[in-house]
Amino acid sequence: MCSSDLAIPELKRHLGEFKGFAEPAADALAGIGAASIPALTAVAAEAEAPARALAVNALFRIGAPAVPTFVDMLGSKHVDVQRHVAALLGNMQVFDKSVVIGLGFATKDKDYQVRLQALQSLQRMGTNAKLAEPYIVVLLTDIDPQVRLTAFHTLQSLGVDPRPGLKKALGHAELATRITTASLMSQLNFELA
């Protein structure tokens, strides 16, 4: 066991307590790399919100080795962690199928900000996120206007024509769905023809 591995429990404790040494502890854990992923994951699951944020940022700095953990964290019991992870995943430049599908599932979250952050991450991934198309098309009729608008632009960034999804939504049985779709099209000055 190397000396950095021996330091992980103490660094985890400092980070989790979120006192004077929390930020340097998070930096040190990020510097250690993959060996610190379990400790950072535990802090993100158990600690208070400020420590959770530092842990998520440290995992992000570790990069590719932390991607599977990040995908799992999209299902965290803490909505702040879900939001943070959904926002950062698109910046990791990892276009693995699990990332795209994980973000796709996050677009179905009940929390508006998780949905929006996941969409924005998928948008940053561009055509690499094409697998998420079915999740995104559904959001063209989301209750939130910002989510609808972002879904439209995300589809375009994937290289997908949003017209078929809009046309289907305009013919939906629910009046509310037809109205939200027409509202989006009006906002974008967008016609189906």
C-alpha atoms as a PDB file:
ATOM      1  CA  MET A   1       0.000   0.000   0.000  1.00  0.00           C
ATOM      2  CA  CYS A   2       1.483   3.358  -0.987  1.00  0.00           C
ATOM      3  CA  SER A   3       1.527   6.431   1.235  1.00  0.00           C
ATOM      4  CA  SER A   4      -1.230   8.187  -0.716  1.00  0.00           C
ATOM      5  CA  ASP A   5      -3.521   5.185  -0.118  1.00  0.00           C
ATOM      6  CA  LEU A   6      -2.803   5.473   3.602  1.00  0.00           C
ATOM      7  CA  ALA A   7      -3.808   9.149   3.525  1.00  0.00           C
ATOM      8  CA  ILE A   8      -7.212   8.537   1.906  1.00  0.00           C
ATOM      9  CA  PRO A   9      -9.179   7.773   5.109  1.00  0.00           C
ATOM     10  CA  GLU A  10      -7.856  10.896   6.847  1.00  0.00           C
ATOM     11  CA  LEU A  11      -8.508  13.067   3.794  1.00  0.00           C
ATOM     12  CA  LYS A  12     -12.012  11.613   3.519  1.00  0.00           C
ATOM     13  CA  ARG A  13     -12.660  12.498   7.170  1.00  0.00           C
ATOM     14  CA  HIS A  14     -11.504  16.106   6.652  1.00  0.00           C
ATOM     15  CA  LEU A  15     -13.629  16.469   3.538  1.00  0.00           C
ATOM     16  CA  GLY A  16     -16.705  14.918   5.146  1.00  0.00           C
ATOM     17  CA  GLU A  17     -16.488  17.123   8.220  1.00  0.00           C
ATOM     18  CA  PHE A  18     -16.275  20.191   5.945  1.00  0.00           C
ATOM     19  CA  LYS A  19     -14.094  22.234   8.250  1.00  0.00           C
ATOM     20  CA  GLY A  20     -10.946  24.230   7.481  1.00  0.00           C
ATOM     21  CA  PHE A  21      -9.215  21.465   5.547  1.00  0.00           C
ATOM     22  CA  ALA A  22     -12.127  20.323   3.359  1.00  0.00           C
ATOM     23  CA  GLU A  23     -11.006  22.006   0.132  1.00  0.00           C
ATOM     24  CA  PRO A  24      -7.360  20.927   0.405  1.00  0.00           C
ATOM     25  CA  ALA A  25      -8.566  17.408   1.263  1.00  0.00           C
ATOM     26  CA  ALA A  26     -10.751  17.338  -1.859  1.00  0.00           C
ATOM     27  CA  ASP A  27      -7.821  18.591  -3.947  1.00  0.00           C
ATOM     28  CA  ALA A  28      -5.538  15.926  -2.513  1.00  0.00           C
ATOM     29  CA  LEU A  29      -8.094  13.163  -3.143  1.00  0.00           C
ATOM     30  CA  ALA A  30      -8.517  14.336  -6.740  1.00  0.00           C
ATOM     31  CA  GLY A  31      -4.723  14.322  -7.092  1.00  0.00           C
ATOM     32  CA  ILE A  32      -4.504  10.754  -5.814  1.00  0.00           C
ATOM     33  CA  GLY A  33      -6.835   9.712  -8.593  1.00  0.00           C
ATOM     34  CA  ALA A  34      -8.743   6.475  -9.047  1.00  0.00           C
ATOM     35  CA  ALA A  35      -7.789   5.063  -5.641  1.00  0.00           C
ATOM     36  CA  SER A  36      -9.785   7.830  -3.954  1.00  0.00           C
ATOM     37  CA  ILE A  37     -13.017   7.220  -5.910  1.00  0.00           C
ATOM     38  CA  PRO A  38     -14.651   5.082  -3.165  1.00  0.00           C
ATOM     39  CA  ALA A  39     -13.885   7.715  -0.503  1.00  0.00           C
ATOM     40  CA  LEU A  40     -15.204  10.570  -2.636  1.00  0.00           C
ATOM     41  CA  THR A  41     -18.296   8.560  -3.539  1.00  0.00           C
ATOM     42  CA  ALA A  42     -18.983   7.935   0.147  1.00  0.00           C
ATOM     43  CA  VAL A  43     -18.690  11.651   0.955  1.00  0.00           C
ATOM     44  CA  ALA A  44     -21.029  12.499  -1.939  1.00  0.00           C
ATOM     45  CA  ALA A  45     -23.556  10.039  -0.528  1.00  0.00           C
ATOM     46  CA  GLU A  46     -23.277  10.738   3.209  1.00  0.00           C
ATOM     47  CA  ALA A  47     -21.962  14.231   3.940  1.00  0.00           C
ATOM     48  CA  GLU A  48     -23.636  17.623   4.017  1.00  0.00           C
ATOM     49  CA  ALA A  49     -24.248  19.549   0.774  1.00  0.00           C
ATOM     50  CA  PRO A  50     -21.035  21.656   0.703  1.00  0.00           C
ATOM     51  CA  ALA A  51     -18.857  18.561   1.202  1.00  0.00           C
ATOM     52  CA  ARG A  52     -20.892  16.669  -1.389  1.00  0.00           C
ATOM     53  CA  ALA A  53     -20.214  19.440  -3.930  1.00  0.00           C
ATOM     54  CA  LEU A  54     -16.467  19.296  -3.266  1.00  0.00           C
ATOM     55  CA  ALA A  55     -16.519  15.495  -3.612  1.00  0.00           C
ATOM     56  CA  VAL A  56     -18.355  15.656  -6.951  1.00  0.00           C
ATOM     57  CA  ASN A  57     -15.887  18.265  -8.246  1.00  0.00           C
ATOM     58  CA  ALA A  58     -12.963  16.083  -7.162  1.00  0.00           C
ATOM     59  CA  LEU A  59     -14.459  13.084  -8.961  1.00  0.00           C
ATOM     60  CA  PHE A  60     -14.851  15.233 -12.066  1.00  0.00           C
ATOM     61  CA  ARG A  61     -11.169  16.172 -11.875  1.00  0.00           C
ATOM     62  CA  ILE A  62     -10.218  12.483 -11.736  1.00  0.00           C
ATOM     63  CA  GLY A  63     -11.818  12.145 -15.156  1.00  0.00           C
ATOM     64  CA  ALA A  64     -12.464   8.952 -17.113  1.00  0.00           C
ATOM     65  CA  PRO A  65     -11.861   6.497 -14.231  1.00  0.00           C
ATOM     66  CA  ALA A  66     -14.711   8.210 -12.326  1.00  0.00           C
ATOM     67  CA  VAL A  67     -17.232   8.067 -15.196  1.00  0.00           C
ATOM     68  CA  PRO A  68     -18.981   4.841 -14.085  1.00  0.00           C
ATOM     69  CA  THR A  69     -19.336   6.339 -10.607  1.00  0.00           C
ATOM     70  CA  PHE A  70     -20.738   9.552 -12.094  1.00  0.00           C
ATOM     71  CA  VAL A  71     -23.323   7.615 -14.085  1.00  0.00           C
ATOM     72  CA  ASP A  72     -24.386   5.816 -10.895  1.00  0.00           C
ATOM     73  CA  MET A  73     -24.586   9.133  -9.054  1.00  0.00           C
ATOM     74  CA  LEU A  74     -27.285  10.351 -11.453  1.00  0.00           C
ATOM     75  CA  GLY A  75     -29.535   8.232  -9.233  1.00  0.00           C
ATOM     76  CA  SER A  76     -28.307   9.748  -5.959  1.00  0.00           C
ATOM     77  CA  LYS A  77     -30.793  10.324  -3.159  1.00  0.00           C
ATOM     78  CA  HIS A  78     -29.497  13.926  -3.024  1.00  0.00           C
ATOM     79  CA  VAL A  79     -30.959  16.111  -5.761  1.00  0.00           C
ATOM     80  CA  ASP A  80     -28.018  18.532  -5.507  1.00  0.00           C
ATOM     81  CA  VAL A  81     -25.679  15.667  -6.420  1.00  0.00           C
ATOM     82  CA  GLN A  82     -27.922  14.628  -9.315  1.00  0.00           C
ATOM     83  CA  ARG A  83     -27.981  18.189 -10.652  1.00  0.00           C
ATOM     84  CA  HIS A  84     -24.229  18.638 -10.282  1.00  0.00           C
ATOM     85  CA  VAL A  85     -23.360  15.312 -11.920  1.00  0.00           C
ATOM     86  CA  ALA A  86     -25.834  15.850 -14.770  1.00  0.00           C
ATOM     87  CA  ALA A  87     -24.224  19.226 -15.449  1.00  0.00           C
ATOM     88  CA  LEU A  88     -20.652  17.909 -15.399  1.00  0.00           C
ATOM     89  CA  LEU A  89     -21.043  14.680 -17.366  1.00  0.00           C
ATOM     90  CA  GLY A  90     -21.304  16.500 -20.688  1.00  0.00           C
ATOM     91  CA  ASN A  91     -17.960  18.187 -20.006  1.00  0.00           C
ATOM     92  CA  MET A  92     -16.083  14.939 -19.376  1.00  0.00           C
ATOM     93  CA  GLN A  93     -15.669  14.237 -23.092  1.00  0.00           C
ATOM     94  CA  VAL A  94     -16.520  10.574 -22.558  1.00  0.00           C
ATOM     95  CA  PHE A  95     -19.062   9.422 -25.095  1.00  0.00           C
ATOM     96  CA  ASP A  96     -19.651   5.964 -23.718  1.00  0.00           C
ATOM     97  CA  LYS A  97     -23.076   4.405 -24.242  1.00  0.00           C
ATOM     98  CA  SER A  98     -23.606   4.217 -20.463  1.00  0.00           C
ATOM     99  CA  VAL A  99     -23.110   7.982 -20.156  1.00  0.00           C
ATOM    100  CA  VAL A 100     -25.588   8.761 -22.927  1.00  0.00           C
ATOM    101  CA  ILE A 101     -28.206   6.339 -21.589  1.00  0.00           C
ATOM    102  CA  GLY A 102     -27.647   7.557 -18.005  1.00  0.00           C
ATOM    103  CA  LEU A 103     -28.200  11.145 -19.069  1.00  0.00           C
ATOM    104  CA  GLY A 104     -31.190  10.019 -21.116  1.00  0.00           C
ATOM    105  CA  PHE A 105     -32.768   8.509 -18.007  1.00  0.00           C
ATOM    106  CA  ALA A 106     -31.928  11.688 -16.077  1.00  0.00           C
ATOM    107  CA  THR A 107     -34.046  13.660 -18.554  1.00  0.00           C
ATOM    108  CA  LYS A 108     -37.034  11.825 -17.065  1.00  0.00           C
ATOM    109  CA  ASP A 109     -36.275  12.998 -13.516  1.00  0.00           C
ATOM    110  CA  LYS A 110     -39.033  14.746 -11.586  1.00  0.00           C
ATOM    111  CA  ASP A 111     -36.664  17.616 -10.780  1.00  0.00           C
ATOM    112  CA  TYR A 112     -36.697  20.293 -13.471  1.00  0.00           C
ATOM    113  CA  GLN A 113     -33.036  21.229 -12.976  1.00  0.00           C
ATOM    114  CA  VAL A 114     -31.852  17.617 -13.273  1.00  0.00           C
ATOM    115  CA  ARG A 115     -33.775  17.315 -16.561  1.00  0.00           C
ATOM    116  CA  LEU A 116     -32.366  20.590 -17.837  1.00  0.00           C
ATOM    117  CA  GLN A 117     -28.769  19.834 -16.806  1.00  0.00           C
ATOM    118  CA  ALA A 118     -28.962  16.378 -18.410  1.00  0.00           C
ATOM    119  CA  LEU A 119     -30.284  17.909 -21.634  1.00  0.00           C
ATOM    120  CA  GLN A 120     -27.538  20.501 -21.691  1.00  0.00           C
ATOM    121  CA  SER A 121     -24.901  17.805 -21.187  1.00  0.00           C
ATOM    122  CA  LEU A 122     -26.380  15.779 -24.044  1.00  0.00           C
ATOM    123  CA  GLN A 123     -26.388  18.912 -26.181  1.00  0.00           C
ATOM    124  CA  ARG A 124     -22.668  19.444 -25.497  1.00  0.00           C
ATOM    125  CA  MET A 125     -22.023  15.850 -26.565  1.00  0.00           C
ATOM    126  CA  GLY A 126     -23.586  16.560 -29.975  1.00  0.00           C
ATOM    127  CA  THR A 127     -23.918  13.677 -32.388  1.00  0.00           C
ATOM    128  CA  ASN A 128     -22.165  11.386 -29.893  1.00  0.00           C
ATOM    129  CA  ALA A 129     -25.406  11.437 -27.870  1.00  0.00           C
ATOM    130  CA  LYS A 130     -27.654  10.208 -30.683  1.00  0.00           C
ATOM    131  CA  LEU A 131     -28.790   7.225 -28.552  1.00  0.00           C
ATOM    132  CA  ALA A 132     -30.618   9.659 -26.272  1.00  0.00           C
ATOM    133  CA  GLU A 133     -32.955  10.847 -29.025  1.00  0.00           C
ATOM    134  CA  PRO A 134     -36.039   8.957 -27.744  1.00  0.00           C
ATOM    135  CA  TYR A 135     -35.635  10.526 -24.296  1.00  0.00           C
ATOM    136  CA  ILE A 136     -35.212  14.013 -25.721  1.00  0.00           C
ATOM    137  CA  VAL A 137     -38.139  13.930 -28.171  1.00  0.00           C
ATOM    138  CA  VAL A 138     -40.499  13.368 -25.246  1.00  0.00           C
ATOM    139  CA  LEU A 139     -39.285  16.602 -23.666  1.00  0.00           C
ATOM    140  CA  LEU A 140     -40.556  18.677 -26.565  1.00  0.00           C
ATOM    141  CA  THR A 141     -43.827  18.624 -24.593  1.00  0.00           C
ATOM    142  CA  ASP A 142     -42.363  19.075 -21.098  1.00  0.00           C
ATOM    143  CA  ILE A 143     -44.340  21.257 -18.705  1.00  0.00           C
ATOM    144  CA  ASP A 144     -41.375  23.641 -18.389  1.00  0.00           C
ATOM    145  CA  PRO A 145     -40.806  25.998 -21.344  1.00  0.00           C
ATOM    146  CA  GLN A 146     -37.018  26.110 -20.821  1.00  0.00           C
ATOM    147  CA  VAL A 147     -36.823  22.299 -20.919  1.00  0.00           C
ATOM    148  CA  ARG A 148     -38.903  22.255 -24.124  1.00  0.00           C
ATOM    149  CA  LEU A 149     -36.640  24.830 -25.763  1.00  0.00           C
ATOM    150  CA  THR A 150     -33.484  23.028 -24.676  1.00  0.00           C
ATOM    151  CA  ALA A 151     -34.892  19.719 -25.942  1.00  0.00           C
ATOM    152  CA  PHE A 152     -35.478  21.303 -29.355  1.00  0.00           C
ATOM    153  CA  HIS A 153     -31.908  22.643 -29.546  1.00  0.00           C
ATOM    154  CA  THR A 154     -30.489  19.391 -28.203  1.00  0.00           C
ATOM    155  CA  LEU A 155     -32.198  17.422 -30.960  1.00  0.00           C
ATOM    156  CA  GLN A 156     -30.689  19.780 -33.497  1.00  0.00           C
ATOM    157  CA  SER A 157     -27.223  19.337 -31.956  1.00  0.00           C
ATOM    158  CA  LEU A 158     -27.668  15.564 -32.346  1.00  0.00           C
ATOM    159  CA  GLY A 159     -28.392  16.091 -36.014  1.00  0.00           C
ATOM    160  CA  VAL A 160     -32.027  15.066 -35.536  1.00  0.00           C
ATOM    161  CA  ASP A 161     -34.890  16.879 -37.224  1.00  0.00           C
ATOM    162  CA  PRO A 162     -37.361  17.852 -34.468  1.00  0.00           C
ATOM    163  CA  ARG A 163     -40.270  18.179 -36.935  1.00  0.00           C
ATOM    164  CA  PRO A 164     -41.587  14.591 -36.599  1.00  0.00           C
ATOM    165  CA  GLY A 165     -41.675  14.906 -32.800  1.00  0.00           C
ATOM    166  CA  LEU A 166     -43.431  18.263 -32.981  1.00  0.00           C
ATOM    167  CA  LYS A 167     -45.928  16.996 -35.531  1.00  0.00           C
ATOM    168  CA  LYS A 168     -46.747  14.001 -33.342  1.00  0.00           C
ATOM    169  CA  ALA A 169     -47.153  16.263 -30.293  1.00  0.00           C
ATOM    170  CA  LEU A 170     -49.517  18.572 -32.185  1.00  0.00           C
ATOM    171  CA  GLY A 171     -51.782  15.590 -32.809  1.00  0.00           C
ATOM    172  CA  HIS A 172     -51.678  14.396 -29.180  1.00  0.00           C
ATOM    173  CA  ALA A 173     -54.975  13.575 -27.467  1.00  0.00           C
ATOM    174  CA  GLU A 174     -54.247  15.889 -24.514  1.00  0.00           C
ATOM    175  CA  LEU A 175     -55.004  19.545 -25.077  1.00  0.00           C
ATOM    176  CA  ALA A 176     -52.178  20.624 -22.752  1.00  0.00           C
ATOM    177  CA  THR A 177     -49.644  18.769 -24.893  1.00  0.00           C
ATOM    178  CA  ARG A 178     -50.917  20.406 -28.070  1.00  0.00           C
ATOM    179  CA  ILE A 179     -50.805  23.839 -26.413  1.00  0.00           C
ATOM    180  CA  THR A 180     -47.258  23.439 -25.064  1.00  0.00           C
ATOM    181  CA  THR A 181     -46.096  22.252 -28.484  1.00  0.00           C
ATOM    182  CA  ALA A 182     -47.733  25.175 -30.263  1.00  0.00           C
ATOM    183  CA  SER A 183     -46.208  27.509 -27.661  1.00  0.00           C
ATOM    184  CA  LEU A 184     -42.725  26.133 -28.335  1.00  0.00           C
ATOM    185  CA  MET A 185     -43.166  26.470 -32.072  1.00  0.00           C
ATOM    186  CA  SER A 186     -44.413  30.026 -31.665  1.00  0.00           C
ATOM    187  CA  GLN A 187     -41.500  30.895 -29.389  1.00  0.00           C
ATOM    188  CA  LEU A 188     -39.069  29.594 -32.019  1.00  0.00           C
ATOM    189  CA  ASN A 189     -41.045  30.997 -34.948  1.00  0.00           C
ATOM    190  CA  PHE A 190     -40.847  27.449 -36.298  1.00  0.00           C
ATOM    191  CA  GLU A 191     -43.151  25.908 -38.873  1.00  0.00           C
ATOM    192  CA  LEU A 192     -43.527  22.238 -39.770  1.00  0.00           C
ATOM    193  CA  ALA A 193     -43.847  22.770 -43.513  1.00  0.00           C
END
